[in-house]
Amino acid sequence: MNSAKSDLLQGTLDMLILKVVALGPIHGYAISRRIQRISKAVLQVQQGSLYPALHRLEKRGWLDAEWRDTETGREAKFYTLTKTGRKQLELETVNWNRLSDAVSMILQTAE
């Protein structure tokens, strides 16, 4: 079985980050690990994509961040979802489901 890495559609990363952060306060590296674990390693988010996305989401007011110690004693920025971020996640989830359903209909079309 081919285990090629999947490329994320543009905008999908933001939605995935919002969803993972909605589960509770979490730092960047743990966000990346959780996405990889939940997707059974199909999705792997590189630092070069993750941290710019986190900064963008924080700038838009969808995430709050504060410096805290991790479980290993290192200091890291922990992210939490804002009220606006929760609304954005709901909107993006609806849009994703609509898009996913449309793609499924096309793929299931008999020739």
PDB file of N, CA and C in Angstrom:
ATOM      1  N   MET A   1       0.834  -1.177   0.000  1.00  0.00           N
ATOM      2  CA  MET A   1       0.000   0.000   0.000  1.00  0.00           C
ATOM      3  C   MET A   1       0.881   1.244   0.000  1.00  0.00           C
ATOM      4  N   ASN A   2       0.558   2.194  -0.837  1.00  0.00           N
ATOM      5  CA  ASN A   2       1.330   3.420  -0.950  1.00  0.00           C
ATOM      6  C   ASN A   2       1.000   4.352   0.215  1.00  0.00           C
ATOM      7  N   SER A   3       2.028   4.831   0.913  1.00  0.00           N
ATOM      8  CA  SER A   3       1.801   5.698   2.059  1.00  0.00           C
ATOM      9  C   SER A   3       2.252   7.129   1.763  1.00  0.00           C
ATOM     10  N   ALA A   4       1.906   7.627   0.568  1.00  0.00           N
ATOM     11  CA  ALA A   4       2.273   8.993   0.184  1.00  0.00           C
ATOM     12  C   ALA A   4       1.571   9.998   1.088  1.00  0.00           C
ATOM     13  N   LYS A   5       2.281  11.067   1.400  1.00  0.00           N
ATOM     14  CA  LYS A   5       1.706  12.118   2.241  1.00  0.00           C
ATOM     15  C   LYS A   5       0.684  12.903   1.429  1.00  0.00           C
ATOM     16  N   SER A   6      -0.395  13.320   2.080  1.00  0.00           N
ATOM     17  CA  SER A   6      -1.415  14.118   1.413  1.00  0.00           C
ATOM     18  C   SER A   6      -1.100  15.598   1.549  1.00  0.00           C
ATOM     19  N   ASP A   7      -1.321  16.334   0.477  1.00  0.00           N
ATOM     20  CA  ASP A   7      -1.220  17.781   0.541  1.00  0.00           C
ATOM     21  C   ASP A   7      -2.574  18.321   0.975  1.00  0.00           C
ATOM     22  N   LEU A   8      -2.543  19.293   1.881  1.00  0.00           N
ATOM     23  CA  LEU A   8      -3.794  19.883   2.353  1.00  0.00           C
ATOM     24  C   LEU A   8      -4.299  20.911   1.351  1.00  0.00           C
ATOM     25  N   LEU A   9      -5.609  20.902   1.118  1.00  0.00           N
ATOM     26  CA  LEU A   9      -6.210  21.939   0.295  1.00  0.00           C
ATOM     27  C   LEU A   9      -5.996  23.282   0.971  1.00  0.00           C
ATOM     28  N   GLN A  10      -5.861  24.319   0.170  1.00  0.00           N
ATOM     29  CA  GLN A  10      -5.688  25.655   0.725  1.00  0.00           C
ATOM     30  C   GLN A  10      -6.883  25.982   1.621  1.00  0.00           C
ATOM     31  N   GLY A  11      -6.627  26.483   2.812  1.00  0.00           N
ATOM     32  CA  GLY A  11      -7.687  26.819   3.751  1.00  0.00           C
ATOM     33  C   GLY A  11      -8.057  25.682   4.683  1.00  0.00           C
ATOM     34  N   THR A  12      -7.742  24.463   4.316  1.00  0.00           N
ATOM     35  CA  THR A  12      -8.087  23.313   5.144  1.00  0.00           C
ATOM     36  C   THR A  12      -7.272  23.302   6.433  1.00  0.00           C
ATOM     37  N   LEU A  13      -6.020  23.714   6.349  1.00  0.00           N
ATOM     38  CA  LEU A  13      -5.162  23.716   7.531  1.00  0.00           C
ATOM     39  C   LEU A  13      -5.750  24.594   8.632  1.00  0.00           C
ATOM     40  N   ASP A  14      -6.255  25.763   8.267  1.00  0.00           N
ATOM     41  CA  ASP A  14      -6.852  26.650   9.272  1.00  0.00           C
ATOM     42  C   ASP A  14      -7.988  25.956  10.001  1.00  0.00           C
ATOM     43  N   MET A  15      -8.855  25.287   9.251  1.00  0.00           N
ATOM     44  CA  MET A  15      -9.987  24.587   9.846  1.00  0.00           C
ATOM     45  C   MET A  15      -9.507  23.474  10.775  1.00  0.00           C
ATOM     46  N   LEU A  16      -8.514  22.719  10.362  1.00  0.00           N
ATOM     47  CA  LEU A  16      -7.994  21.626  11.194  1.00  0.00           C
ATOM     48  C   LEU A  16      -7.367  22.161  12.479  1.00  0.00           C
ATOM     49  N   ILE A  17      -6.635  23.252  12.382  1.00  0.00           N
ATOM     50  CA  ILE A  17      -6.037  23.857  13.573  1.00  0.00           C
ATOM     51  C   ILE A  17      -7.136  24.327  14.519  1.00  0.00           C
ATOM     52  N   LEU A  18      -8.146  25.016  13.993  1.00  0.00           N
ATOM     53  CA  LEU A  18      -9.246  25.492  14.839  1.00  0.00           C
ATOM     54  C   LEU A  18      -9.921  24.317  15.547  1.00  0.00           C
ATOM     55  N   LYS A  19     -10.129  23.216  14.840  1.00  0.00           N
ATOM     56  CA  LYS A  19     -10.773  22.050  15.427  1.00  0.00           C
ATOM     57  C   LYS A  19      -9.926  21.450  16.554  1.00  0.00           C
ATOM     58  N   VAL A  20      -8.641  21.310  16.320  1.00  0.00           N
ATOM     59  CA  VAL A  20      -7.753  20.731  17.336  1.00  0.00           C
ATOM     60  C   VAL A  20      -7.680  21.642  18.560  1.00  0.00           C
ATOM     61  N   VAL A  21      -7.583  22.948  18.342  1.00  0.00           N
ATOM     62  CA  VAL A  21      -7.509  23.892  19.461  1.00  0.00           C
ATOM     63  C   VAL A  21      -8.835  23.924  20.223  1.00  0.00           C
ATOM     64  N   ALA A  22      -9.946  23.671  19.533  1.00  0.00           N
ATOM     65  CA  ALA A  22     -11.262  23.648  20.190  1.00  0.00           C
ATOM     66  C   ALA A  22     -11.335  22.560  21.259  1.00  0.00           C
ATOM     67  N   LEU A  23     -10.475  21.556  21.167  1.00  0.00           N
ATOM     68  CA  LEU A  23     -10.467  20.457  22.136  1.00  0.00           C
ATOM     69  C   LEU A  23      -9.843  20.860  23.467  1.00  0.00           C
ATOM     70  N   GLY A  24      -9.147  22.001  23.491  1.00  0.00           N
ATOM     71  CA  GLY A  24      -8.528  22.489  24.729  1.00  0.00           C
ATOM     72  C   GLY A  24      -7.206  23.169  24.444  1.00  0.00           C
ATOM     73  N   PRO A  25      -6.683  23.935  25.412  1.00  0.00           N
ATOM     74  CA  PRO A  25      -5.416  24.652  25.219  1.00  0.00           C
ATOM     75  C   PRO A  25      -4.300  23.706  24.790  1.00  0.00           C
ATOM     76  N   ILE A  26      -3.532  24.147  23.795  1.00  0.00           N
ATOM     77  CA  ILE A  26      -2.511  23.268  23.216  1.00  0.00           C
ATOM     78  C   ILE A  26      -1.422  24.119  22.561  1.00  0.00           C
ATOM     79  N   HIS A  27      -0.191  23.618  22.585  1.00  0.00           N
ATOM     80  CA  HIS A  27       0.908  24.345  21.945  1.00  0.00           C
ATOM     81  C   HIS A  27       1.122  23.834  20.524  1.00  0.00           C
ATOM     82  N   GLY A  28       1.877  24.607  19.755  1.00  0.00           N
ATOM     83  CA  GLY A  28       2.047  24.333  18.329  1.00  0.00           C
ATOM     84  C   GLY A  28       2.497  22.928  17.982  1.00  0.00           C
ATOM     85  N   TYR A  29       3.567  22.469  18.612  1.00  0.00           N
ATOM     86  CA  TYR A  29       4.077  21.133  18.292  1.00  0.00           C
ATOM     87  C   TYR A  29       3.016  20.065  18.566  1.00  0.00           C
ATOM     88  N   ALA A  30       2.278  20.235  19.654  1.00  0.00           N
ATOM     89  CA  ALA A  30       1.229  19.263  19.998  1.00  0.00           C
ATOM     90  C   ALA A  30       0.080  19.308  18.989  1.00  0.00           C
ATOM     91  N   ILE A  31      -0.190  20.476  18.414  1.00  0.00           N
ATOM     92  CA  ILE A  31      -1.221  20.584  17.371  1.00  0.00           C
ATOM     93  C   ILE A  31      -0.815  19.721  16.185  1.00  0.00           C
ATOM     94  N   SER A  32       0.420  19.873  15.761  1.00  0.00           N
ATOM     95  CA  SER A  32       0.938  19.098  14.636  1.00  0.00           C
ATOM     96  C   SER A  32       0.859  17.596  14.911  1.00  0.00           C
ATOM     97  N   ARG A  33       1.290  17.196  16.103  1.00  0.00           N
ATOM     98  CA  ARG A  33       1.256  15.779  16.489  1.00  0.00           C
ATOM     99  C   ARG A  33      -0.174  15.239  16.548  1.00  0.00           C
ATOM    100  N   ARG A  34      -1.091  16.033  17.082  1.00  0.00           N
ATOM    101  CA  ARG A  34      -2.481  15.572  17.207  1.00  0.00           C
ATOM    102  C   ARG A  34      -3.122  15.397  15.832  1.00  0.00           C
ATOM    103  N   ILE A  35      -2.874  16.314  14.916  1.00  0.00           N
ATOM    104  CA  ILE A  35      -3.408  16.172  13.556  1.00  0.00           C
ATOM    105  C   ILE A  35      -2.854  14.904  12.918  1.00  0.00           C
ATOM    106  N   GLN A  36      -1.564  14.675  13.093  1.00  0.00           N
ATOM    107  CA  GLN A  36      -0.935  13.473  12.533  1.00  0.00           C
ATOM    108  C   GLN A  36      -1.535  12.211  13.161  1.00  0.00           C
ATOM    109  N   ARG A  37      -1.696  12.208  14.479  1.00  0.00           N
ATOM    110  CA  ARG A  37      -2.209  11.024  15.184  1.00  0.00           C
ATOM    111  C   ARG A  37      -3.661  10.747  14.804  1.00  0.00           C
ATOM    112  N   ILE A  38      -4.516  11.770  14.842  1.00  0.00           N
ATOM    113  CA  ILE A  38      -5.934  11.562  14.546  1.00  0.00           C
ATOM    114  C   ILE A  38      -6.134  11.103  13.097  1.00  0.00           C
ATOM    115  N   SER A  39      -5.317  11.618  12.183  1.00  0.00           N
ATOM    116  CA  SER A  39      -5.454  11.250  10.769  1.00  0.00           C
ATOM    117  C   SER A  39      -4.712   9.959  10.424  1.00  0.00           C
ATOM    118  N   LYS A  40      -4.181   9.293  11.446  1.00  0.00           N
ATOM    119  CA  LYS A  40      -3.402   8.064  11.247  1.00  0.00           C
ATOM    120  C   LYS A  40      -2.232   8.308  10.290  1.00  0.00           C
ATOM    121  N   ALA A  41      -1.575   9.453  10.488  1.00  0.00           N
ATOM    122  CA  ALA A  41      -0.377   9.875   9.745  1.00  0.00           C
ATOM    123  C   ALA A  41      -0.626  10.199   8.277  1.00  0.00           C
ATOM    124  N   VAL A  42      -1.885  10.300   7.863  1.00  0.00           N
ATOM    125  CA  VAL A  42      -2.177  10.710   6.488  1.00  0.00           C
ATOM    126  C   VAL A  42      -1.862  12.200   6.333  1.00  0.00           C
ATOM    127  N   LEU A  43      -2.192  12.993   7.355  1.00  0.00           N
ATOM    128  CA  LEU A  43      -1.919  14.429   7.332  1.00  0.00           C
ATOM    129  C   LEU A  43      -0.734  14.731   8.239  1.00  0.00           C
ATOM    130  N   GLN A  44       0.251  15.393   7.675  1.00  0.00           N
ATOM    131  CA  GLN A  44       1.430  15.787   8.446  1.00  0.00           C
ATOM    132  C   GLN A  44       1.689  17.261   8.184  1.00  0.00           C
ATOM    133  N   VAL A  45       1.630  18.048   9.236  1.00  0.00           N
ATOM    134  CA  VAL A  45       1.780  19.491   9.119  1.00  0.00           C
ATOM    135  C   VAL A  45       3.206  19.873   9.493  1.00  0.00           C
ATOM    136  N   GLN A  46       3.899  20.469   8.553  1.00  0.00           N
ATOM    137  CA  GLN A  46       5.271  20.895   8.775  1.00  0.00           C
ATOM    138  C   GLN A  46       5.294  22.233   9.508  1.00  0.00           C
ATOM    139  N   GLN A  47       6.351  22.480  10.271  1.00  0.00           N
ATOM    140  CA  GLN A  47       6.488  23.721  11.029  1.00  0.00           C
ATOM    141  C   GLN A  47       6.388  24.948  10.127  1.00  0.00           C
ATOM    142  N   GLY A  48       6.916  24.844   8.915  1.00  0.00           N
ATOM    143  CA  GLY A  48       6.885  25.956   7.965  1.00  0.00           C
ATOM    144  C   GLY A  48       5.485  26.349   7.532  1.00  0.00           C
ATOM    145  N   SER A  49       4.522  25.457   7.699  1.00  0.00           N
ATOM    146  CA  SER A  49       3.118  25.754   7.407  1.00  0.00           C
ATOM    147  C   SER A  49       2.350  26.058   8.685  1.00  0.00           C
ATOM    148  N   LEU A  50       2.668  25.323   9.756  1.00  0.00           N
ATOM    149  CA  LEU A  50       1.916  25.435  11.005  1.00  0.00           C
ATOM    150  C   LEU A  50       2.048  26.803  11.665  1.00  0.00           C
ATOM    151  N   TYR A  51       3.265  27.246  11.881  1.00  0.00           N
ATOM    152  CA  TYR A  51       3.454  28.476  12.659  1.00  0.00           C
ATOM    153  C   TYR A  51       2.950  29.731  11.943  1.00  0.00           C
ATOM    154  N   PRO A  52       3.139  29.867  10.632  1.00  0.00           N
ATOM    155  CA  PRO A  52       2.508  31.010   9.945  1.00  0.00           C
ATOM    156  C   PRO A  52       0.974  30.964  10.055  1.00  0.00           C
ATOM    157  N   ALA A  53       0.402  29.761   9.990  1.00  0.00           N
ATOM    158  CA  ALA A  53      -1.052  29.617  10.126  1.00  0.00           C
ATOM    159  C   ALA A  53      -1.504  30.021  11.528  1.00  0.00           C
ATOM    160  N   LEU A  54      -0.771  29.595  12.552  1.00  0.00           N
ATOM    161  CA  LEU A  54      -1.126  29.972  13.928  1.00  0.00           C
ATOM    162  C   LEU A  54      -1.068  31.486  14.116  1.00  0.00           C
ATOM    163  N   HIS A  55      -0.044  32.117  13.580  1.00  0.00           N
ATOM    164  CA  HIS A  55       0.072  33.579  13.685  1.00  0.00           C
ATOM    165  C   HIS A  55      -1.073  34.269  12.949  1.00  0.00           C
ATOM    166  N   ARG A  56      -1.436  33.744  11.773  1.00  0.00           N
ATOM    167  CA  ARG A  56      -2.538  34.312  10.991  1.00  0.00           C
ATOM    168  C   ARG A  56      -3.864  34.189  11.753  1.00  0.00           C
ATOM    169  N   LEU A  57      -4.111  33.026  12.347  1.00  0.00           N
ATOM    170  CA  LEU A  57      -5.355  32.796  13.085  1.00  0.00           C
ATOM    171  C   LEU A  57      -5.410  33.662  14.349  1.00  0.00           C
ATOM    172  N   GLU A  58      -4.268  33.853  14.974  1.00  0.00           N
ATOM    173  CA  GLU A  58      -4.207  34.718  16.152  1.00  0.00           C
ATOM    174  C   GLU A  58      -4.470  36.173  15.748  1.00  0.00           C
ATOM    175  N   LYS A  59      -3.887  36.603  14.645  1.00  0.00           N
ATOM    176  CA  LYS A  59      -4.058  37.977  14.151  1.00  0.00           C
ATOM    177  C   LYS A  59      -5.518  38.251  13.775  1.00  0.00           C
ATOM    178  N   ARG A  60      -6.203  37.235  13.254  1.00  0.00           N
ATOM    179  CA  ARG A  60      -7.621  37.382  12.881  1.00  0.00           C
ATOM    180  C   ARG A  60      -8.541  37.361  14.101  1.00  0.00           C
ATOM    181  N   GLY A  61      -7.989  37.058  15.278  1.00  0.00           N
ATOM    182  CA  GLY A  61      -8.795  37.026  16.496  1.00  0.00           C
ATOM    183  C   GLY A  61      -9.504  35.705  16.727  1.00  0.00           C
ATOM    184  N   TRP A  62      -9.101  34.667  16.003  1.00  0.00           N
ATOM    185  CA  TRP A  62      -9.736  33.354  16.144  1.00  0.00           C
ATOM    186  C   TRP A  62      -9.066  32.517  17.223  1.00  0.00           C
ATOM    187  N   LEU A  63      -7.815  32.855  17.532  1.00  0.00           N
ATOM    188  CA  LEU A  63      -7.069  32.163  18.587  1.00  0.00           C
ATOM    189  C   LEU A  63      -6.500  33.188  19.560  1.00  0.00           C
ATOM    190  N   ASP A  64      -6.460  32.816  20.832  1.00  0.00           N
ATOM    191  CA  ASP A  64      -5.714  33.552  21.847  1.00  0.00           C
ATOM    192  C   ASP A  64      -4.488  32.717  22.161  1.00  0.00           C
ATOM    193  N   ALA A  65      -3.429  33.373  22.614  1.00  0.00           N
ATOM    194  CA  ALA A  65      -2.210  32.635  22.943  1.00  0.00           C
ATOM    195  C   ALA A  65      -1.570  33.206  24.198  1.00  0.00           C
ATOM    196  N   GLU A  66      -0.984  32.307  24.992  1.00  0.00           N
ATOM    197  CA  GLU A  66      -0.214  32.733  26.159  1.00  0.00           C
ATOM    198  C   GLU A  66       0.935  31.775  26.365  1.00  0.00           C
ATOM    199  N   TRP A  67       2.049  32.311  26.871  1.00  0.00           N
ATOM    200  CA  TRP A  67       3.226  31.498  27.138  1.00  0.00           C
ATOM    201  C   TRP A  67       3.042  30.745  28.446  1.00  0.00           C
ATOM    202  N   ARG A  68       3.302  29.442  28.406  1.00  0.00           N
ATOM    203  CA  ARG A  68       3.220  28.577  29.592  1.00  0.00           C
ATOM    204  C   ARG A  68       4.268  27.484  29.486  1.00  0.00           C
ATOM    205  N   ASP A  69       4.481  26.788  30.594  1.00  0.00           N
ATOM    206  CA  ASP A  69       5.392  25.650  30.587  1.00  0.00           C
ATOM    207  C   ASP A  69       4.670  24.418  30.052  1.00  0.00           C
ATOM    208  N   THR A  70       5.387  23.638  29.232  1.00  0.00           N
ATOM    209  CA  THR A  70       4.840  22.379  28.738  1.00  0.00           C
ATOM    210  C   THR A  70       5.061  21.295  29.784  1.00  0.00           C
ATOM    211  N   GLU A  71       4.573  20.099  29.490  1.00  0.00           N
ATOM    212  CA  GLU A  71       4.747  18.964  30.399  1.00  0.00           C
ATOM    213  C   GLU A  71       6.217  18.584  30.561  1.00  0.00           C
ATOM    214  N   THR A  72       7.062  19.000  29.605  1.00  0.00           N
ATOM    215  CA  THR A  72       8.498  18.711  29.705  1.00  0.00           C
ATOM    216  C   THR A  72       9.270  19.849  30.368  1.00  0.00           C
ATOM    217  N   GLY A  73       8.560  20.901  30.797  1.00  0.00           N
ATOM    218  CA  GLY A  73       9.200  22.015  31.477  1.00  0.00           C
ATOM    219  C   GLY A  73       9.694  23.127  30.565  1.00  0.00           C
ATOM    220  N   ARG A  74       9.525  22.960  29.261  1.00  0.00           N
ATOM    221  CA  ARG A  74       9.909  24.004  28.317  1.00  0.00           C
ATOM    222  C   ARG A  74       8.784  25.010  28.189  1.00  0.00           C
ATOM    223  N   GLU A  75       9.137  26.243  27.876  1.00  0.00           N
ATOM    224  CA  GLU A  75       8.113  27.268  27.683  1.00  0.00           C
ATOM    225  C   GLU A  75       7.623  27.218  26.236  1.00  0.00           C
ATOM    226  N   ALA A  76       6.308  27.312  26.059  1.00  0.00           N
ATOM    227  CA  ALA A  76       5.719  27.283  24.723  1.00  0.00           C
ATOM    228  C   ALA A  76       4.460  28.147  24.720  1.00  0.00           C
ATOM    229  N   LYS A  77       4.083  28.576  23.540  1.00  0.00           N
ATOM    230  CA  LYS A  77       2.873  29.368  23.369  1.00  0.00           C
ATOM    231  C   LYS A  77       1.688  28.397  23.283  1.00  0.00           C
ATOM    232  N   PHE A  78       0.742  28.529  24.206  1.00  0.00           N
ATOM    233  CA  PHE A  78      -0.460  27.696  24.208  1.00  0.00           C
ATOM    234  C   PHE A  78      -1.602  28.466  23.582  1.00  0.00           C
ATOM    235  N   TYR A  79      -2.325  27.811  22.706  1.00  0.00           N
ATOM    236  CA  TYR A  79      -3.420  28.443  21.969  1.00  0.00           C
ATOM    237  C   TYR A  79      -4.769  27.969  22.488  1.00  0.00           C
ATOM    238  N   THR A  80      -5.714  28.903  22.525  1.00  0.00           N
ATOM    239  CA  THR A  80      -7.104  28.593  22.857  1.00  0.00           C
ATOM    240  C   THR A  80      -7.993  29.252  21.814  1.00  0.00           C
ATOM    241  N   LEU A  81      -9.161  28.670  21.607  1.00  0.00           N
ATOM    242  CA  LEU A  81     -10.118  29.175  20.634  1.00  0.00           C
ATOM    243  C   LEU A  81     -10.918  30.317  21.240  1.00  0.00           C
ATOM    244  N   THR A  82     -11.068  31.408  20.494  1.00  0.00           N
ATOM    245  CA  THR A  82     -11.896  32.522  20.944  1.00  0.00           C
ATOM    246  C   THR A  82     -13.346  32.261  20.525  1.00  0.00           C
ATOM    247  N   LYS A  83     -14.238  33.090  21.002  1.00  0.00           N
ATOM    248  CA  LYS A  83     -15.650  32.979  20.614  1.00  0.00           C
ATOM    249  C   LYS A  83     -15.784  33.154  19.094  1.00  0.00           C
ATOM    250  N   THR A  84     -15.061  34.118  18.545  1.00  0.00           N
ATOM    251  CA  THR A  84     -15.065  34.355  17.100  1.00  0.00           C
ATOM    252  C   THR A  84     -14.480  33.152  16.364  1.00  0.00           C
ATOM    253  N   GLY A  85     -13.439  32.559  16.931  1.00  0.00           N
ATOM    254  CA  GLY A  85     -12.823  31.371  16.343  1.00  0.00           C
ATOM    255  C   GLY A  85     -13.782  30.194  16.312  1.00  0.00           C
ATOM    256  N   ARG A  86     -14.578  30.051  17.363  1.00  0.00           N
ATOM    257  CA  ARG A  86     -15.566  28.968  17.413  1.00  0.00           C
ATOM    258  C   ARG A  86     -16.610  29.148  16.314  1.00  0.00           C
ATOM    259  N   LYS A  87     -17.055  30.395  16.112  1.00  0.00           N
ATOM    260  CA  LYS A  87     -18.023  30.672  15.038  1.00  0.00           C
ATOM    261  C   LYS A  87     -17.407  30.390  13.674  1.00  0.00           C
ATOM    262  N   GLN A  88     -16.129  30.761  13.512  1.00  0.00           N
ATOM    263  CA  GLN A  88     -15.437  30.506  12.242  1.00  0.00           C
ATOM    264  C   GLN A  88     -15.304  29.009  11.998  1.00  0.00           C
ATOM    265  N   LEU A  89     -14.996  28.254  13.031  1.00  0.00           N
ATOM    266  CA  LEU A  89     -14.888  26.800  12.901  1.00  0.00           C
ATOM    267  C   LEU A  89     -16.222  26.209  12.456  1.00  0.00           C
ATOM    268  N   GLU A  90     -17.313  26.670  13.036  1.00  0.00           N
ATOM    269  CA  GLU A  90     -18.640  26.177  12.638  1.00  0.00           C
ATOM    270  C   GLU A  90     -18.905  26.480  11.167  1.00  0.00           C
ATOM    271  N   LEU A  91     -18.583  27.698  10.736  1.00  0.00           N
ATOM    272  CA  LEU A  91     -18.788  28.105   9.348  1.00  0.00           C
ATOM    273  C   LEU A  91     -17.930  27.262   8.406  1.00  0.00           C
ATOM    274  N   GLU A  92     -16.653  27.091   8.754  1.00  0.00           N
ATOM    275  CA  GLU A  92     -15.761  26.315   7.896  1.00  0.00           C
ATOM    276  C   GLU A  92     -16.150  24.841   7.853  1.00  0.00           C
ATOM    277  N   THR A  93     -16.674  24.322   8.946  1.00  0.00           N
ATOM    278  CA  THR A  93     -17.121  22.922   8.975  1.00  0.00           C
ATOM    279  C   THR A  93     -18.313  22.727   8.043  1.00  0.00           C
ATOM    280  N   VAL A  94     -19.260  23.647   8.080  1.00  0.00           N
ATOM    281  CA  VAL A  94     -20.424  23.582   7.179  1.00  0.00           C
ATOM    282  C   VAL A  94     -19.955  23.643   5.727  1.00  0.00           C
ATOM    283  N   ASN A  95     -19.058  24.583   5.426  1.00  0.00           N
ATOM    284  CA  ASN A  95     -18.553  24.721   4.053  1.00  0.00           C
ATOM    285  C   ASN A  95     -17.788  23.478   3.616  1.00  0.00           C
ATOM    286  N   TRP A  96     -16.970  22.919   4.519  1.00  0.00           N
ATOM    287  CA  TRP A  96     -16.212  21.712   4.190  1.00  0.00           C
ATOM    288  C   TRP A  96     -17.159  20.547   3.897  1.00  0.00           C
ATOM    289  N   ASN A  97     -18.169  20.367   4.719  1.00  0.00           N
ATOM    290  CA  ASN A  97     -19.122  19.271   4.510  1.00  0.00           C
ATOM    291  C   ASN A  97     -19.850  19.432   3.179  1.00  0.00           C
ATOM    292  N   ARG A  98     -20.199  20.666   2.824  1.00  0.00           N
ATOM    293  CA  ARG A  98     -20.865  20.934   1.548  1.00  0.00           C
ATOM    294  C   ARG A  98     -19.930  20.564   0.387  1.00  0.00           C
ATOM    295  N   LEU A  99     -18.676  20.998   0.478  1.00  0.00           N
ATOM    296  CA  LEU A  99     -17.699  20.702  -0.565  1.00  0.00           C
ATOM    297  C   LEU A  99     -17.445  19.199  -0.665  1.00  0.00           C
ATOM    298  N   SER A 100     -17.273  18.557   0.475  1.00  0.00           N
ATOM    299  CA  SER A 100     -17.019  17.121   0.515  1.00  0.00           C
ATOM    300  C   SER A 100     -18.188  16.338  -0.103  1.00  0.00           C
ATOM    301  N   ASP A 101     -19.414  16.729   0.227  1.00  0.00           N
ATOM    302  CA  ASP A 101     -20.600  16.073  -0.349  1.00  0.00           C
ATOM    303  C   ASP A 101     -20.636  16.251  -1.865  1.00  0.00           C
ATOM    304  N   ALA A 102     -20.297  17.450  -2.342  1.00  0.00           N
ATOM    305  CA  ALA A 102     -20.312  17.722  -3.783  1.00  0.00           C
ATOM    306  C   ALA A 102     -19.273  16.872  -4.506  1.00  0.00           C
ATOM    307  N   VAL A 103     -18.074  16.771  -3.939  1.00  0.00           N
ATOM    308  CA  VAL A 103     -17.021  15.951  -4.547  1.00  0.00           C
ATOM    309  C   VAL A 103     -17.444  14.485  -4.555  1.00  0.00           C
ATOM    310  N   SER A 104     -18.040  14.019  -3.457  1.00  0.00           N
ATOM    311  CA  SER A 104     -18.509  12.628  -3.388  1.00  0.00           C
ATOM    312  C   SER A 104     -19.549  12.336  -4.465  1.00  0.00           C
ATOM    313  N   MET A 105     -20.470  13.280  -4.667  1.00  0.00           N
ATOM    314  CA  MET A 105     -21.491  13.071  -5.710  1.00  0.00           C
ATOM    315  C   MET A 105     -20.854  12.929  -7.083  1.00  0.00           C
ATOM    316  N   ILE A 106     -19.855  13.761  -7.359  1.00  0.00           N
ATOM    317  CA  ILE A 106     -19.181  13.682  -8.651  1.00  0.00           C
ATOM    318  C   ILE A 106     -18.455  12.354  -8.792  1.00  0.00           C
ATOM    319  N   LEU A 107     -17.754  11.934  -7.747  1.00  0.00           N
ATOM    320  CA  LEU A 107     -17.000  10.677  -7.807  1.00  0.00           C
ATOM    321  C   LEU A 107     -17.893   9.460  -7.933  1.00  0.00           C
ATOM    322  N   GLN A 108     -19.125   9.555  -7.432  1.00  0.00           N
ATOM    323  CA  GLN A 108     -20.052   8.417  -7.481  1.00  0.00           C
ATOM    324  C   GLN A 108     -20.892   8.395  -8.744  1.00  0.00           C
ATOM    325  N   THR A 109     -20.700   9.367  -9.606  1.00  0.00           N
ATOM    326  CA  THR A 109     -21.471   9.439 -10.844  1.00  0.00           C
ATOM    327  C   THR A 109     -21.028   8.328 -11.788  1.00  0.00           C
ATOM    328  N   ALA A 110     -22.002   7.572 -12.266  1.00  0.00           N
ATOM    329  CA  ALA A 110     -21.711   6.506 -13.223  1.00  0.00           C
ATOM    330  C   ALA A 110     -21.492   7.124 -14.603  1.00  0.00           C
ATOM    331  N   GLU A 111     -20.572   6.537 -15.348  1.00  0.00           N
ATOM    332  CA  GLU A 111     -20.306   7.058 -16.703  1.00  0.00           C
ATOM    333  C   GLU A 111     -21.245   6.431 -17.704  1.00  0.00           C
TER     334      GLU A 111
END
